[in-house]
Amino acid sequence: MTKTDMVHEQIDTIDALMAHYVAGSLPEPARVLVRSHLQMKPDNRSLVRSLELLAGEALESTPEAAIADRDLRLAAIFASAPPASESHVSTRPERALFPQALRDLLGFEAEDVPWRRRLPGFKEYSFGMEGCEVSLMWIRPGRALPAHSHKGMELILILDGAFNDERGRFGAGDISIADETVEHRPVAEKDRPCIAFAVSDGPIKLVGSLRQMIGDLIG
């Protein structure tokens, strides 16, 4: 398994996602998504700290072993850039929409997003990173996205506003986890736009009747 895998067959709950985050098995954009979630909502910070403690205890109990090519490996470590901060505490300015981890990845704030209109009432900014499709989404209040399933894993962090689907409500700081077993039709709540950060490792597949698809596409 490589870090560019989303290991979606093992991630079906928030707890499982946190475990993969602590284990370092998520690709970087997914790690940023989880860090952003932890900065927005402290609920899972205690779980992450507990998992980190367990990982540290397991490492300490591992028998010592000689390192092959020790000098070369040490040289590579000292030559590498310092790791990014793993702080789970948000330092975003009072009126900033994006948490610090997301701002560090993107290099800009919400007012500077180079949005592209994809559908009526739906804008997106997307790019590829480490084998994943990474995007910001803006959904007009009350707008329903086309019903779809997934050919892979999709993680969505709600940054502002909220959407509802067959599974329930996802508000600011919540993470939606969807894979090929999930068919849903997200609908933004009517009081404000829904803005979200998404990471996926496979395309979506439209589902539902032709009439509904056409209606959702034209908005």
C-alpha atoms as a PDB file:
ATOM      1  CA  MET A   1       0.000   0.000   0.000  1.00  0.00           C
ATOM      2  CA  THR A   2       1.348   3.444  -0.912  1.00  0.00           C
ATOM      3  CA  LYS A   3       0.546   6.857   0.520  1.00  0.00           C
ATOM      4  CA  THR A   4      -1.188   7.782  -2.734  1.00  0.00           C
ATOM      5  CA  ASP A   5      -3.832   5.105  -2.090  1.00  0.00           C
ATOM      6  CA  MET A   6      -6.957   6.328  -0.353  1.00  0.00           C
ATOM      7  CA  VAL A   7      -7.311   2.836   1.193  1.00  0.00           C
ATOM      8  CA  HIS A   8     -11.058   3.257   0.744  1.00  0.00           C
ATOM      9  CA  GLU A   9     -11.839  -0.368   1.506  1.00  0.00           C
ATOM     10  CA  GLN A  10     -10.775   0.352   5.093  1.00  0.00           C
ATOM     11  CA  ILE A  11     -12.235   3.843   5.572  1.00  0.00           C
ATOM     12  CA  ASP A  12     -15.957   3.874   6.217  1.00  0.00           C
ATOM     13  CA  THR A  13     -16.155   5.855   9.483  1.00  0.00           C
ATOM     14  CA  ILE A  14     -14.581   8.992  10.931  1.00  0.00           C
ATOM     15  CA  ASP A  15     -12.733   6.855  13.513  1.00  0.00           C
ATOM     16  CA  ALA A  16     -11.150   4.768  10.739  1.00  0.00           C
ATOM     17  CA  LEU A  17     -10.164   7.956   8.893  1.00  0.00           C
ATOM     18  CA  MET A  18      -8.508   9.320  12.056  1.00  0.00           C
ATOM     19  CA  ALA A  19      -6.606   6.042  12.477  1.00  0.00           C
ATOM     20  CA  HIS A  20      -5.217   6.241   8.937  1.00  0.00           C
ATOM     21  CA  TYR A  21      -4.321   9.890   9.547  1.00  0.00           C
ATOM     22  CA  VAL A  22      -2.272   8.980  12.631  1.00  0.00           C
ATOM     23  CA  ALA A  23      -0.676   6.037  10.801  1.00  0.00           C
ATOM     24  CA  GLY A  24       0.464   8.367   8.000  1.00  0.00           C
ATOM     25  CA  SER A  25      -1.188   6.239   5.309  1.00  0.00           C
ATOM     26  CA  LEU A  26      -3.243   9.038   3.721  1.00  0.00           C
ATOM     27  CA  PRO A  27      -2.066  11.046   0.698  1.00  0.00           C
ATOM     28  CA  GLU A  28      -1.149  14.627   1.514  1.00  0.00           C
ATOM     29  CA  PRO A  29      -4.394  16.308   0.368  1.00  0.00           C
ATOM     30  CA  ALA A  30      -6.412  13.907   2.529  1.00  0.00           C
ATOM     31  CA  ARG A  31      -4.094  14.630   5.479  1.00  0.00           C
ATOM     32  CA  VAL A  32      -4.709  18.363   4.941  1.00  0.00           C
ATOM     33  CA  LEU A  33      -8.453  17.712   4.896  1.00  0.00           C
ATOM     34  CA  VAL A  34      -8.271  15.881   8.237  1.00  0.00           C
ATOM     35  CA  ARG A  35      -5.993  18.534   9.798  1.00  0.00           C
ATOM     36  CA  SER A  36      -8.446  21.199   8.664  1.00  0.00           C
ATOM     37  CA  HIS A  37     -11.317  19.265  10.223  1.00  0.00           C
ATOM     38  CA  LEU A  38      -9.424  19.011  13.524  1.00  0.00           C
ATOM     39  CA  GLN A  39      -8.728  22.748  13.456  1.00  0.00           C
ATOM     40  CA  MET A  40     -12.395  23.547  12.798  1.00  0.00           C
ATOM     41  CA  LYS A  41     -13.922  21.044  15.234  1.00  0.00           C
ATOM     42  CA  PRO A  42     -11.977  19.837  18.284  1.00  0.00           C
ATOM     43  CA  ASP A  43     -14.234  16.803  18.853  1.00  0.00           C
ATOM     44  CA  ASN A  44     -11.775  14.279  17.423  1.00  0.00           C
ATOM     45  CA  ARG A  45      -8.557  15.773  18.810  1.00  0.00           C
ATOM     46  CA  SER A  46      -8.683  13.555  21.914  1.00  0.00           C
ATOM     47  CA  LEU A  47      -9.128  10.467  19.710  1.00  0.00           C
ATOM     48  CA  VAL A  48      -6.132  11.479  17.598  1.00  0.00           C
ATOM     49  CA  ARG A  49      -3.997  12.095  20.698  1.00  0.00           C
ATOM     50  CA  SER A  50      -4.966   8.669  22.079  1.00  0.00           C
ATOM     51  CA  LEU A  51      -4.101   6.987  18.786  1.00  0.00           C
ATOM     52  CA  GLU A  52      -0.766   8.823  18.674  1.00  0.00           C
ATOM     53  CA  LEU A  53       0.036   7.629  22.204  1.00  0.00           C
ATOM     54  CA  LEU A  54      -0.808   4.046  21.256  1.00  0.00           C
ATOM     55  CA  ALA A  55       1.375   4.310  18.153  1.00  0.00           C
ATOM     56  CA  GLY A  56       4.250   5.655  20.261  1.00  0.00           C
ATOM     57  CA  GLU A  57       3.928   2.819  22.773  1.00  0.00           C
ATOM     58  CA  ALA A  58       3.901   0.255  19.955  1.00  0.00           C
ATOM     59  CA  LEU A  59       7.038   1.830  18.475  1.00  0.00           C
ATOM     60  CA  GLU A  60       8.847   1.747  21.820  1.00  0.00           C
ATOM     61  CA  SER A  61       8.069  -1.950  22.234  1.00  0.00           C
ATOM     62  CA  THR A  62       9.436  -2.817  18.788  1.00  0.00           C
ATOM     63  CA  PRO A  63      12.761  -4.720  19.027  1.00  0.00           C
ATOM     64  CA  GLU A  64      15.796  -2.782  17.859  1.00  0.00           C
ATOM     65  CA  ALA A  65      17.210  -3.696  14.459  1.00  0.00           C
ATOM     66  CA  ALA A  66      20.231  -2.591  12.472  1.00  0.00           C
ATOM     67  CA  ILE A  67      19.547  -0.003   9.757  1.00  0.00           C
ATOM     68  CA  ALA A  68      20.693  -0.948   6.277  1.00  0.00           C
ATOM     69  CA  ASP A  69      22.663   1.814   4.486  1.00  0.00           C
ATOM     70  CA  ARG A  70      22.658   3.843   7.697  1.00  0.00           C
ATOM     71  CA  ASP A  71      24.902   6.671   6.482  1.00  0.00           C
ATOM     72  CA  LEU A  72      22.957   7.159   3.236  1.00  0.00           C
ATOM     73  CA  ARG A  73      19.637   7.224   5.059  1.00  0.00           C
ATOM     74  CA  LEU A  74      20.858   9.736   7.641  1.00  0.00           C
ATOM     75  CA  ALA A  75      22.217  11.969   4.879  1.00  0.00           C
ATOM     76  CA  ALA A  76      18.836  11.878   3.109  1.00  0.00           C
ATOM     77  CA  ILE A  77      17.006  12.794   6.333  1.00  0.00           C
ATOM     78  CA  PHE A  78      19.298  15.744   7.105  1.00  0.00           C
ATOM     79  CA  ALA A  79      19.060  16.976   3.511  1.00  0.00           C
ATOM     80  CA  SER A  80      15.252  16.921   3.457  1.00  0.00           C
ATOM     81  CA  ALA A  81      13.028  19.890   4.251  1.00  0.00           C
ATOM     82  CA  PRO A  82      11.609  20.131   7.776  1.00  0.00           C
ATOM     83  CA  PRO A  83       8.175  18.514   8.114  1.00  0.00           C
ATOM     84  CA  ALA A  84       5.064  20.654   7.978  1.00  0.00           C
ATOM     85  CA  SER A  85       3.486  21.572  11.281  1.00  0.00           C
ATOM     86  CA  GLU A  86       0.949  19.055  12.538  1.00  0.00           C
ATOM     87  CA  SER A  87      -0.775  21.520  14.844  1.00  0.00           C
ATOM     88  CA  HIS A  88      -4.452  20.726  15.243  1.00  0.00           C
ATOM     89  CA  VAL A  89      -5.213  24.174  16.678  1.00  0.00           C
ATOM     90  CA  SER A  90      -6.612  26.664  14.190  1.00  0.00           C
ATOM     91  CA  THR A  91      -4.709  29.923  13.828  1.00  0.00           C
ATOM     92  CA  ARG A  92      -6.941  31.389  11.134  1.00  0.00           C
ATOM     93  CA  PRO A  93      -7.800  35.083  11.410  1.00  0.00           C
ATOM     94  CA  GLU A  94     -11.207  35.839  12.887  1.00  0.00           C
ATOM     95  CA  ARG A  95     -12.898  36.501   9.528  1.00  0.00           C
ATOM     96  CA  ALA A  96     -10.973  33.933   7.464  1.00  0.00           C
ATOM     97  CA  LEU A  97     -13.032  31.063   6.068  1.00  0.00           C
ATOM     98  CA  PHE A  98     -10.253  28.542   5.455  1.00  0.00           C
ATOM     99  CA  PRO A  99      -8.449  26.822   8.360  1.00  0.00           C
ATOM    100  CA  GLN A 100      -4.670  27.223   8.502  1.00  0.00           C
ATOM    101  CA  ALA A 101      -3.880  23.778   7.058  1.00  0.00           C
ATOM    102  CA  LEU A 102      -5.986  24.466   3.967  1.00  0.00           C
ATOM    103  CA  ARG A 103      -4.562  27.964   3.481  1.00  0.00           C
ATOM    104  CA  ASP A 104      -1.057  26.494   3.635  1.00  0.00           C
ATOM    105  CA  LEU A 105      -1.946  23.994   0.880  1.00  0.00           C
ATOM    106  CA  LEU A 106      -3.737  26.431  -1.420  1.00  0.00           C
ATOM    107  CA  GLY A 107      -1.775  29.616  -0.797  1.00  0.00           C
ATOM    108  CA  PHE A 108      -4.887  31.824  -0.787  1.00  0.00           C
ATOM    109  CA  GLU A 109      -8.127  32.569   1.069  1.00  0.00           C
ATOM    110  CA  ALA A 110     -11.768  32.105   0.078  1.00  0.00           C
ATOM    111  CA  GLU A 111     -12.132  35.525  -1.565  1.00  0.00           C
ATOM    112  CA  ASP A 112      -9.263  34.705  -3.945  1.00  0.00           C
ATOM    113  CA  VAL A 113     -10.465  31.305  -5.235  1.00  0.00           C
ATOM    114  CA  PRO A 114     -10.322  31.226  -9.075  1.00  0.00           C
ATOM    115  CA  TRP A 115     -13.759  29.643  -9.411  1.00  0.00           C
ATOM    116  CA  ARG A 116     -14.970  28.042 -12.631  1.00  0.00           C
ATOM    117  CA  ARG A 117     -18.686  27.592 -13.285  1.00  0.00           C
ATOM    118  CA  ARG A 118     -19.460  23.908 -13.857  1.00  0.00           C
ATOM    119  CA  LEU A 119     -23.256  23.900 -13.635  1.00  0.00           C
ATOM    120  CA  PRO A 120     -25.915  26.505 -12.901  1.00  0.00           C
ATOM    121  CA  GLY A 121     -25.482  27.270  -9.206  1.00  0.00           C
ATOM    122  CA  PHE A 122     -22.296  25.215  -8.901  1.00  0.00           C
ATOM    123  CA  LYS A 123     -18.712  26.516  -9.086  1.00  0.00           C
ATOM    124  CA  GLU A 124     -15.473  24.604  -8.616  1.00  0.00           C
ATOM    125  CA  TYR A 125     -11.713  25.030  -8.437  1.00  0.00           C
ATOM    126  CA  SER A 126      -9.864  21.761  -8.944  1.00  0.00           C
ATOM    127  CA  PHE A 127      -6.363  20.368  -9.416  1.00  0.00           C
ATOM    128  CA  GLY A 128      -4.566  17.037  -9.170  1.00  0.00           C
ATOM    129  CA  MET A 129      -2.179  16.140  -6.344  1.00  0.00           C
ATOM    130  CA  GLU A 130      -0.542  12.818  -5.405  1.00  0.00           C
ATOM    131  CA  GLY A 131      -2.905  10.751  -7.546  1.00  0.00           C
ATOM    132  CA  CYS A 132      -5.992  12.483  -6.121  1.00  0.00           C
ATOM    133  CA  GLU A 133      -8.465  14.971  -7.517  1.00  0.00           C
ATOM    134  CA  VAL A 134      -8.563  17.950  -5.156  1.00  0.00           C
ATOM    135  CA  SER A 135     -11.247  20.614  -5.382  1.00  0.00           C
ATOM    136  CA  LEU A 136     -13.073  23.454  -3.714  1.00  0.00           C
ATOM    137  CA  MET A 137     -16.829  23.581  -4.358  1.00  0.00           C
ATOM    138  CA  TRP A 138     -19.367  26.403  -4.110  1.00  0.00           C
ATOM    139  CA  ILE A 139     -23.019  25.354  -4.166  1.00  0.00           C
ATOM    140  CA  ARG A 140     -25.850  27.886  -4.430  1.00  0.00           C
ATOM    141  CA  PRO A 141     -28.363  27.865  -1.541  1.00  0.00           C
ATOM    142  CA  GLY A 142     -31.018  25.229  -2.205  1.00  0.00           C
ATOM    143  CA  ARG A 143     -29.109  23.752  -5.156  1.00  0.00           C
ATOM    144  CA  ALA A 144     -29.244  19.960  -5.557  1.00  0.00           C
ATOM    145  CA  LEU A 145     -26.221  18.266  -7.094  1.00  0.00           C
ATOM    146  CA  PRO A 146     -26.892  15.386  -9.499  1.00  0.00           C
ATOM    147  CA  ALA A 147     -27.502  12.025  -7.796  1.00  0.00           C
ATOM    148  CA  HIS A 148     -24.348   9.942  -8.066  1.00  0.00           C
ATOM    149  CA  SER A 149     -22.234   7.111  -6.737  1.00  0.00           C
ATOM    150  CA  HIS A 150     -18.439   6.829  -6.703  1.00  0.00           C
ATOM    151  CA  LYS A 151     -15.747   4.813  -8.434  1.00  0.00           C
ATOM    152  CA  GLY A 152     -13.376   5.231  -5.525  1.00  0.00           C
ATOM    153  CA  MET A 153     -13.235   7.184  -2.271  1.00  0.00           C
ATOM    154  CA  GLU A 154     -14.458  10.752  -1.787  1.00  0.00           C
ATOM    155  CA  LEU A 155     -13.830  12.857   1.309  1.00  0.00           C
ATOM    156  CA  ILE A 156     -15.645  16.195   1.626  1.00  0.00           C
ATOM    157  CA  LEU A 157     -14.980  18.727   4.391  1.00  0.00           C
ATOM    158  CA  ILE A 158     -17.686  21.377   4.775  1.00  0.00           C
ATOM    159  CA  LEU A 159     -16.070  24.795   5.213  1.00  0.00           C
ATOM    160  CA  ASP A 160     -19.204  26.941   5.365  1.00  0.00           C
ATOM    161  CA  GLY A 161     -22.929  26.355   5.061  1.00  0.00           C
ATOM    162  CA  ALA A 162     -24.255  22.801   4.936  1.00  0.00           C
ATOM    163  CA  PHE A 163     -25.735  20.128   2.697  1.00  0.00           C
ATOM    164  CA  ASN A 164     -28.194  17.332   3.312  1.00  0.00           C
ATOM    165  CA  ASP A 165     -28.403  13.962   1.603  1.00  0.00           C
ATOM    166  CA  GLU A 166     -29.800  10.491   2.209  1.00  0.00           C
ATOM    167  CA  ARG A 167     -27.414  10.003   5.152  1.00  0.00           C
ATOM    168  CA  GLY A 168     -28.207  13.203   7.036  1.00  0.00           C
ATOM    169  CA  ARG A 169     -26.842  16.728   7.488  1.00  0.00           C
ATOM    170  CA  PHE A 170     -23.229  17.818   7.024  1.00  0.00           C
ATOM    171  CA  GLY A 171     -22.382  21.249   8.439  1.00  0.00           C
ATOM    172  CA  ALA A 172     -19.226  23.312   8.882  1.00  0.00           C
ATOM    173  CA  GLY A 173     -16.332  21.143  10.047  1.00  0.00           C
ATOM    174  CA  ASP A 174     -18.082  17.847   9.227  1.00  0.00           C
ATOM    175  CA  ILE A 175     -16.550  15.252   6.894  1.00  0.00           C
ATOM    176  CA  SER A 176     -18.619  13.251   4.397  1.00  0.00           C
ATOM    177  CA  ILE A 177     -17.089   9.861   3.526  1.00  0.00           C
ATOM    178  CA  ALA A 178     -18.458   8.217   0.377  1.00  0.00           C
ATOM    179  CA  ASP A 179     -17.366   5.259  -1.763  1.00  0.00           C
ATOM    180  CA  GLU A 180     -18.925   2.922  -4.330  1.00  0.00           C
ATOM    181  CA  THR A 181     -21.497   1.756  -1.757  1.00  0.00           C
ATOM    182  CA  VAL A 182     -22.964   5.265  -1.376  1.00  0.00           C
ATOM    183  CA  GLU A 183     -25.520   6.799  -3.725  1.00  0.00           C
ATOM    184  CA  HIS A 184     -26.501  10.312  -2.741  1.00  0.00           C
ATOM    185  CA  ARG A 185     -27.907  13.626  -3.959  1.00  0.00           C
ATOM    186  CA  PRO A 186     -26.427  16.448  -1.850  1.00  0.00           C
ATOM    187  CA  VAL A 187     -28.692  19.486  -1.473  1.00  0.00           C
ATOM    188  CA  ALA A 188     -27.290  22.760  -0.117  1.00  0.00           C
ATOM    189  CA  GLU A 189     -29.342  24.339   2.652  1.00  0.00           C
ATOM    190  CA  LYS A 190     -31.323  27.412   1.683  1.00  0.00           C
ATOM    191  CA  ASP A 191     -29.918  30.024   4.054  1.00  0.00           C
ATOM    192  CA  ARG A 192     -26.407  30.338   2.562  1.00  0.00           C
ATOM    193  CA  PRO A 193     -24.057  28.823  -0.045  1.00  0.00           C
ATOM    194  CA  CYS A 194     -22.315  25.578   0.827  1.00  0.00           C
ATOM    195  CA  ILE A 195     -18.528  25.774   0.414  1.00  0.00           C
ATOM    196  CA  ALA A 196     -16.532  22.567   0.697  1.00  0.00           C
ATOM    197  CA  PHE A 197     -13.093  21.024   0.191  1.00  0.00           C
ATOM    198  CA  ALA A 198     -13.086  17.618  -1.525  1.00  0.00           C
ATOM    199  CA  VAL A 199     -10.459  14.924  -2.120  1.00  0.00           C
ATOM    200  CA  SER A 200     -11.222  11.885  -4.270  1.00  0.00           C
ATOM    201  CA  ASP A 201      -9.321   9.094  -5.996  1.00  0.00           C
ATOM    202  CA  GLY A 202     -11.927   8.147  -8.593  1.00  0.00           C
ATOM    203  CA  PRO A 203     -14.651   9.695 -10.749  1.00  0.00           C
ATOM    204  CA  ILE A 204     -18.334   9.911  -9.875  1.00  0.00           C
ATOM    205  CA  LYS A 205     -21.060   7.953 -11.656  1.00  0.00           C
ATOM    206  CA  LEU A 206     -24.440   9.584 -12.286  1.00  0.00           C
ATOM    207  CA  VAL A 207     -27.434   7.551 -11.141  1.00  0.00           C
ATOM    208  CA  GLY A 208     -31.198   7.979 -11.108  1.00  0.00           C
ATOM    209  CA  SER A 209     -33.764   8.612 -13.822  1.00  0.00           C
ATOM    210  CA  LEU A 210     -32.946  10.547 -16.977  1.00  0.00           C
ATOM    211  CA  ARG A 211     -35.530  13.196 -16.048  1.00  0.00           C
ATOM    212  CA  GLN A 212     -33.927  13.760 -12.641  1.00  0.00           C
ATOM    213  CA  MET A 213     -30.427  13.877 -14.148  1.00  0.00           C
ATOM    214  CA  ILE A 214     -31.485  16.541 -16.659  1.00  0.00           C
ATOM    215  CA  GLY A 215     -33.265  18.537 -13.982  1.00  0.00           C
ATOM    216  CA  ASP A 216     -30.265  18.453 -11.648  1.00  0.00           C
ATOM    217  CA  LEU A 217     -27.828  19.353 -14.416  1.00  0.00           C
ATOM    218  CA  ILE A 218     -29.730  22.429 -15.557  1.00  0.00           C
ATOM    219  CA  GLY A 219     -30.360  23.478 -11.947  1.00  0.00           C
END
